[in-house]
């Protein structure tokens, strides 16, 4: 079993009129993991619990195999970098240099040369107060500051928010470099399809505070397909990994499967030809609130998911 960086153990959190949980989820070390779900699904709350900014009402969170219900040890915090969606207002009157010096005192491994290099790459203006920066400039400063201690765990909440396309490309390149050169786990929440495609090893699906599961991104891209065949609907009902199907005409059926390769073999052996299998645009679920599409998979095809202990 791979060592974990974060583990949620039967976690519940009540937030105003909604409840998040139960969450039972183990995030492995050494990967990029994307939290995906509609606005208000609980992604930011999970990230804040990872940083111990908020505490669970029930259950516990463990870091690198150990739970710290009261306070994270300094040694753990010094190995964590965090860029929240809502940026802090405490340093607004500070210049870039003053804010960096203030943060550096909390990190034994703060790399000033690396930080300065990142500022140059991201084209962050020097000598400017944080409250005089554009949203994109402030975002780039925060990302550089989070990377400066070379953390083992980097948590990013909507990291590309406010970035122009050039800065976004640099961010993607930098995160790839980090994964190659540093022993870092990256956990991010995002609505940007290309971030998931280019970065994520695993995708954690969350909907209305419920964990739908964690799936390998390559499995989504390679095996989750929308397909068409000529035949009767009863044929599709016996196939593996079927999420949904639709009778397009008297002799044509479309369906979505999580196991396209296996489906192709079965249909070929039965004399059927699978026409036009295309990658299913599962990410449109983010925009149209169709995450319920995944529920049948959680209920009937749990093997698709790496971790889905409490799917309802």
Protein backbone atom coordinates (compact mmCIF):
# COMPACT_ATOMS: atom_id res chain seq x y z
CA UNK A 1 0.00 0.00 0.00
CA UNK A 2 1.29 3.45 -0.93
CA UNK A 3 1.97 5.87 1.95
CA UNK A 4 -0.68 8.53 2.38
CA UNK A 5 -0.20 12.28 2.58
CA UNK A 6 -3.75 13.05 3.79
CA UNK A 7 -6.42 10.73 5.13
CA UNK A 8 -10.02 11.63 6.00
CA UNK A 9 -11.52 9.19 8.49
CA UNK A 10 -15.31 9.37 8.66
CA UNK A 11 -15.18 13.18 8.54
CA UNK A 12 -18.33 15.32 8.83
CA UNK A 13 -18.47 19.11 8.76
CA UNK A 14 -21.59 21.24 9.09
CA UNK A 15 -21.48 24.52 7.15
CA UNK A 16 -24.55 26.73 7.65
CA UNK A 17 -27.38 24.86 5.93
CA UNK A 18 -25.38 21.97 4.51
CA UNK A 19 -23.33 19.06 5.79
CA UNK A 20 -20.16 17.74 4.22
CA UNK A 21 -19.58 14.05 4.71
CA UNK A 22 -19.19 11.32 5.50
CA UNK A 23 -15.75 11.57 3.91
CA UNK A 24 -13.49 8.52 3.96
CA UNK A 25 -10.64 9.23 1.59
CA UNK A 26 -6.95 8.39 1.40
CA UNK A 27 -4.73 10.56 -0.80
CA UNK A 28 -1.43 8.90 -1.81
CA UNK A 29 1.93 10.65 -1.69
CA UNK A 30 3.78 11.72 -4.80
CA UNK A 31 0.87 12.52 -7.12
CA UNK A 32 -1.17 15.47 -8.36
CA UNK A 33 -4.75 15.08 -7.17
CA UNK A 34 -7.58 17.30 -8.43
CA UNK A 35 -10.73 17.94 -6.40
CA UNK A 36 -13.61 18.34 -8.83
CA UNK A 37 -17.22 19.34 -8.22
CA UNK A 38 -19.73 22.16 -8.66
CA UNK A 39 -19.50 25.39 -6.68
CA UNK A 40 -20.59 24.81 -3.09
CA UNK A 41 -19.85 21.09 -3.18
CA UNK A 42 -17.34 21.30 -0.31
CA UNK A 43 -13.97 21.42 -2.08
CA UNK A 44 -12.64 24.50 -0.27
CA UNK A 45 -13.84 23.17 3.08
CA UNK A 46 -11.88 19.95 2.52
CA UNK A 47 -8.77 21.94 1.63
CA UNK A 48 -9.21 24.11 4.73
CA UNK A 49 -9.45 20.97 6.87
CA UNK A 50 -6.22 19.75 5.27
CA UNK A 51 -4.60 22.99 6.45
CA UNK A 52 -6.36 22.75 9.85
CA UNK A 53 -7.93 26.16 9.24
CA UNK A 54 -11.22 24.51 10.16
CA UNK A 55 -11.77 21.39 12.25
CA UNK A 56 -14.14 18.52 11.44
CA UNK A 57 -17.23 18.21 13.64
CA UNK A 58 -16.86 14.43 13.55
CA UNK A 59 -14.09 12.09 12.50
CA UNK A 60 -10.45 12.99 12.04
CA UNK A 61 -7.87 14.03 9.47
CA UNK A 62 -4.41 12.44 9.38
CA UNK A 63 -1.23 13.88 7.86
CA UNK A 64 1.47 11.45 6.72
CA UNK A 65 -0.23 8.72 8.73
CA UNK A 66 -0.75 10.64 11.99
CA UNK A 67 -3.74 12.59 13.32
CA UNK A 68 -3.22 15.85 15.21
CA UNK A 69 -6.66 16.88 16.52
CA UNK A 70 -5.47 19.98 18.38
CA UNK A 71 -2.65 21.53 16.39
CA UNK A 72 -0.34 20.51 13.56
CA UNK A 73 3.30 20.26 14.63
CA UNK A 74 5.61 22.94 13.27
CA UNK A 75 7.58 20.29 11.38
CA UNK A 76 4.44 19.33 9.45
CA UNK A 77 3.37 22.92 8.75
CA UNK A 78 6.82 23.80 7.45
CA UNK A 79 6.42 21.13 4.80
CA UNK A 80 3.07 22.47 3.57
CA UNK A 81 2.37 25.24 1.08
CA UNK A 82 -1.11 26.71 0.60
CA UNK A 83 -2.73 29.13 -1.84
CA UNK A 84 -6.35 29.77 -0.75
CA UNK A 85 -9.06 30.93 -3.11
CA UNK A 86 -9.77 33.97 -0.92
CA UNK A 87 -6.41 35.63 -0.34
CA UNK A 88 -5.37 37.06 3.03
CA UNK A 89 -5.78 40.78 3.73
CA UNK A 90 -3.28 40.92 6.61
CA UNK A 91 -0.27 41.86 4.46
CA UNK A 92 -1.93 44.30 2.08
CA UNK A 93 0.22 47.25 3.20
CA UNK A 94 3.44 45.26 2.79
CA UNK A 95 5.63 45.27 -0.29
CA UNK A 96 6.46 42.03 -2.07
CA UNK A 97 9.84 41.93 -0.33
CA UNK A 98 8.44 42.68 3.14
CA UNK A 99 5.67 40.08 2.81
CA UNK A 100 8.21 37.48 1.67
CA UNK A 101 10.54 38.28 4.59
CA UNK A 102 7.61 38.01 7.01
CA UNK A 103 6.67 34.57 5.69
CA UNK A 104 10.24 33.32 5.43
CA UNK A 105 10.69 33.46 9.21
CA UNK A 106 8.17 30.63 9.59
CA UNK A 107 9.99 28.26 7.22
CA UNK A 108 13.43 26.83 7.95
CA UNK A 109 13.77 25.74 4.32
CA UNK A 110 12.62 28.98 2.69
CA UNK A 111 14.63 29.30 -0.53
CA UNK A 112 15.03 33.00 -1.26
CA UNK A 113 16.84 32.41 -4.54
CA UNK A 114 14.08 30.10 -5.75
CA UNK A 115 11.44 32.62 -4.68
CA UNK A 116 13.22 35.41 -6.55
CA UNK A 117 13.50 33.20 -9.62
CA UNK A 118 9.76 32.49 -9.51
CA UNK A 119 8.95 36.20 -9.20
CA UNK A 120 10.98 36.82 -12.35
CA UNK A 121 9.37 33.94 -14.23
CA UNK A 122 5.88 35.08 -13.26
CA UNK A 123 6.75 38.74 -13.95
CA UNK A 124 5.68 39.89 -10.48
CA UNK A 125 6.55 43.60 -9.99
CA UNK A 126 9.09 44.28 -7.23
CA UNK A 127 8.71 46.95 -4.57
CA UNK A 128 4.95 47.08 -5.01
CA UNK A 129 2.52 46.83 -2.11
CA UNK A 130 0.21 43.85 -2.27
CA UNK A 131 -2.87 46.10 -2.22
CA UNK A 132 -1.63 47.81 -5.39
CA UNK A 133 -1.34 44.57 -7.34
CA UNK A 134 -3.84 43.28 -9.86
CA UNK A 135 -5.63 40.06 -8.99
CA UNK A 136 -3.35 38.11 -11.31
CA UNK A 137 -0.15 39.67 -9.91
CA UNK A 138 -1.23 38.89 -6.35
CA UNK A 139 -2.07 35.34 -7.36
CA UNK A 140 1.37 34.85 -8.88
CA UNK A 141 3.02 36.24 -5.75
CA UNK A 142 1.05 33.81 -3.57
CA UNK A 143 2.00 30.84 -5.76
CA UNK A 144 5.68 31.83 -5.65
CA UNK A 145 5.53 32.21 -1.86
CA UNK A 146 3.86 28.82 -1.45
CA UNK A 147 6.57 27.17 -3.55
CA UNK A 148 9.52 28.96 -1.92
CA UNK A 149 9.89 26.53 1.05
CA UNK A 150 9.87 23.61 -1.44
CA UNK A 151 7.01 21.91 0.44
CA UNK A 152 6.28 18.20 0.50
CA UNK A 153 2.55 18.98 0.32
CA UNK A 154 1.27 21.81 -1.87
CA UNK A 155 -2.43 22.69 -1.62
CA UNK A 156 -3.91 25.00 -4.26
CA UNK A 157 -7.50 26.29 -4.23
CA UNK A 158 -8.40 27.44 -7.76
CA UNK A 159 -4.74 28.32 -8.48
CA UNK A 160 -5.31 29.77 -11.96
CA UNK A 161 -8.00 32.23 -10.85
CA UNK A 162 -7.04 35.65 -12.21
CA UNK A 163 -4.08 34.42 -14.25
CA UNK A 164 -3.62 35.44 -17.87
CA UNK A 165 -2.96 32.63 -20.40
CA UNK A 166 0.82 33.20 -20.35
CA UNK A 167 1.04 33.04 -16.55
CA UNK A 168 -1.24 29.99 -16.54
CA UNK A 169 1.11 28.20 -18.94
CA UNK A 170 4.08 29.07 -16.70
CA UNK A 171 2.19 27.72 -13.69
CA UNK A 172 1.54 24.41 -15.43
CA UNK A 173 5.19 24.15 -16.47
CA UNK A 174 6.39 24.97 -12.95
CA UNK A 175 4.15 22.36 -11.33
CA UNK A 176 5.45 19.76 -13.79
CA UNK A 177 9.04 20.71 -12.87
CA UNK A 178 8.23 20.39 -9.18
CA UNK A 179 6.88 16.88 -9.67
CA UNK A 180 10.07 15.89 -11.51
CA UNK A 181 12.59 17.50 -9.16
CA UNK A 182 10.94 17.50 -5.72
CA UNK A 183 9.27 14.92 -3.51
CA UNK A 184 6.00 16.85 -3.52
CA UNK A 185 2.32 15.94 -3.48
CA UNK A 186 -0.01 18.52 -5.05
CA UNK A 187 -3.69 18.72 -4.17
CA UNK A 188 -5.72 21.27 -6.09
CA UNK A 189 -9.31 22.25 -6.67
CA UNK A 190 -10.09 23.53 -10.13
CA UNK A 191 -12.77 24.16 -12.72
CA UNK A 192 -10.24 24.43 -15.55
CA UNK A 193 -10.52 21.41 -17.81
CA UNK A 194 -6.98 21.72 -19.18
CA UNK A 195 -5.51 21.83 -15.66
CA UNK A 196 -7.07 18.46 -14.96
CA UNK A 197 -5.98 17.04 -18.31
CA UNK A 198 -2.40 18.30 -18.09
CA UNK A 199 -1.71 17.88 -14.38
CA UNK A 200 -3.89 15.42 -12.50
CA UNK A 201 -2.98 11.81 -11.77
CA UNK A 202 -6.19 11.27 -9.81
CA UNK A 203 -9.55 13.05 -9.78
CA UNK A 204 -11.64 13.23 -6.59
CA UNK A 205 -15.33 13.74 -7.37
CA UNK A 206 -17.45 15.67 -4.85
CA UNK A 207 -21.12 16.60 -5.12
CA UNK A 208 -23.35 18.32 -2.53
CA UNK A 209 -20.85 17.54 0.23
CA UNK A 210 -20.73 13.85 -0.66
CA UNK A 211 -17.68 11.96 -1.87
CA UNK A 212 -18.50 10.20 -5.12
CA UNK A 213 -15.06 8.64 -5.37
CA UNK A 214 -11.50 8.96 -6.59
CA UNK A 215 -10.63 7.76 -10.07
CA UNK A 216 -7.46 7.64 -12.13
CA UNK A 217 -7.52 10.45 -14.65
CA UNK A 218 -6.13 8.24 -17.41
CA UNK A 219 -9.00 5.82 -16.84
CA UNK A 220 -11.45 8.65 -17.41
CA UNK A 221 -9.73 9.72 -20.60
CA UNK A 222 -8.96 6.27 -22.02
CA UNK A 223 -11.89 4.07 -21.00
CA UNK A 224 -14.82 6.39 -20.34
CA UNK A 225 -16.35 6.68 -23.81
CA UNK A 226 -19.59 7.56 -25.52
CA UNK A 227 -20.40 4.87 -28.08
CA UNK A 228 -22.95 3.96 -30.76
CA UNK A 229 -24.07 0.57 -32.07
CA UNK A 230 -26.74 -0.77 -34.40
CA UNK A 231 -28.99 -3.13 -32.46
CA UNK A 232 -31.50 -3.62 -29.68
CA UNK A 233 -31.30 -1.84 -26.31
CA UNK A 234 -31.18 -5.20 -24.50
CA UNK A 235 -27.65 -5.68 -25.83
CA UNK A 236 -26.38 -2.62 -23.96
CA UNK A 237 -27.97 -3.64 -20.66
CA UNK A 238 -25.61 -6.61 -20.37
CA UNK A 239 -22.41 -4.65 -21.03
CA UNK A 240 -19.94 -3.70 -18.25
CA UNK A 241 -19.51 -0.17 -16.93
CA UNK A 242 -22.67 1.28 -18.46
CA UNK A 243 -23.57 4.68 -16.98
CA UNK A 244 -26.42 5.56 -19.30
CA UNK A 245 -27.93 4.58 -22.66
CA UNK A 246 -30.35 6.10 -25.15
CA UNK A 247 -32.33 4.67 -28.07
CA UNK A 248 -31.40 7.15 -30.82
CA UNK A 249 -33.54 5.50 -33.51
CA UNK A 250 -35.29 2.22 -34.23
CA UNK A 251 -31.95 0.49 -34.78
CA UNK A 252 -29.37 2.79 -33.18
CA UNK A 253 -28.32 3.05 -29.52
CA UNK A 254 -25.90 5.45 -27.85
CA UNK A 255 -24.40 4.71 -24.44
CA UNK A 256 -21.68 5.80 -22.05
CA UNK A 257 -19.35 3.20 -20.55
CA UNK A 258 -16.41 3.31 -18.16
CA UNK A 259 -14.90 0.18 -19.74
CA UNK A 260 -14.75 0.87 -23.47
CA UNK A 261 -11.95 -1.60 -24.26
CA UNK A 262 -13.78 -4.48 -22.60
CA UNK A 263 -17.05 -3.47 -24.26
CA UNK A 264 -15.40 -3.50 -27.68
CA UNK A 265 -14.14 -7.05 -27.12
CA UNK A 266 -17.54 -8.32 -25.97
CA UNK A 267 -19.41 -6.73 -28.86
CA UNK A 268 -16.88 -7.93 -31.42
CA UNK A 269 -17.16 -11.51 -30.17
CA UNK A 270 -20.97 -11.24 -30.51
CA UNK A 271 -20.71 -9.92 -34.05
CA UNK A 272 -21.47 -6.27 -33.32
CA UNK A 273 -19.45 -3.30 -34.53
CA UNK A 274 -18.89 -0.41 -32.13
CA UNK A 275 -18.99 2.76 -34.20
CA UNK A 276 -17.49 6.12 -33.34
CA UNK A 277 -16.39 5.65 -29.72
CA UNK A 278 -15.38 9.11 -28.52
CA UNK A 279 -14.12 10.35 -25.15
CA UNK A 280 -17.07 11.20 -22.95
CA UNK A 281 -17.09 14.87 -22.04
CA UNK A 282 -17.54 14.05 -18.35
CA UNK A 283 -16.21 17.46 -17.34
CA UNK A 284 -19.34 19.15 -18.68
CA UNK A 285 -20.93 17.79 -15.49
CA UNK A 286 -19.10 20.57 -13.67
CA UNK A 287 -20.87 23.25 -15.66
CA UNK A 288 -24.34 21.74 -15.88
CA UNK A 289 -24.73 20.20 -12.43
CA UNK A 290 -24.89 16.67 -13.77
CA UNK A 291 -22.61 15.06 -11.19
CA UNK A 292 -25.46 12.68 -10.34
CA UNK A 293 -24.43 10.88 -13.51
CA UNK A 294 -21.59 9.38 -11.47
CA UNK A 295 -23.81 7.98 -8.73
CA UNK A 296 -24.76 4.79 -10.64
CA UNK A 297 -21.05 4.13 -11.10
CA UNK A 298 -20.42 4.47 -7.36
CA UNK A 299 -23.34 2.20 -6.54
CA UNK A 300 -22.78 -0.54 -9.08
CA UNK A 301 -19.19 -0.28 -10.29
CA UNK A 302 -17.13 0.47 -7.21
CA UNK A 303 -14.08 -1.11 -8.80
CA UNK A 304 -13.79 1.96 -11.01
CA UNK A 305 -12.84 4.03 -7.99
CA UNK A 306 -9.69 3.96 -5.92
CA UNK A 307 -11.50 5.07 -2.78
CA UNK A 308 -15.25 5.25 -2.31
CA UNK A 309 -16.10 3.89 1.11
CA UNK A 310 -19.24 5.88 1.75
CA UNK A 311 -20.92 6.60 -1.56
CA UNK A 312 -24.65 6.91 -0.97
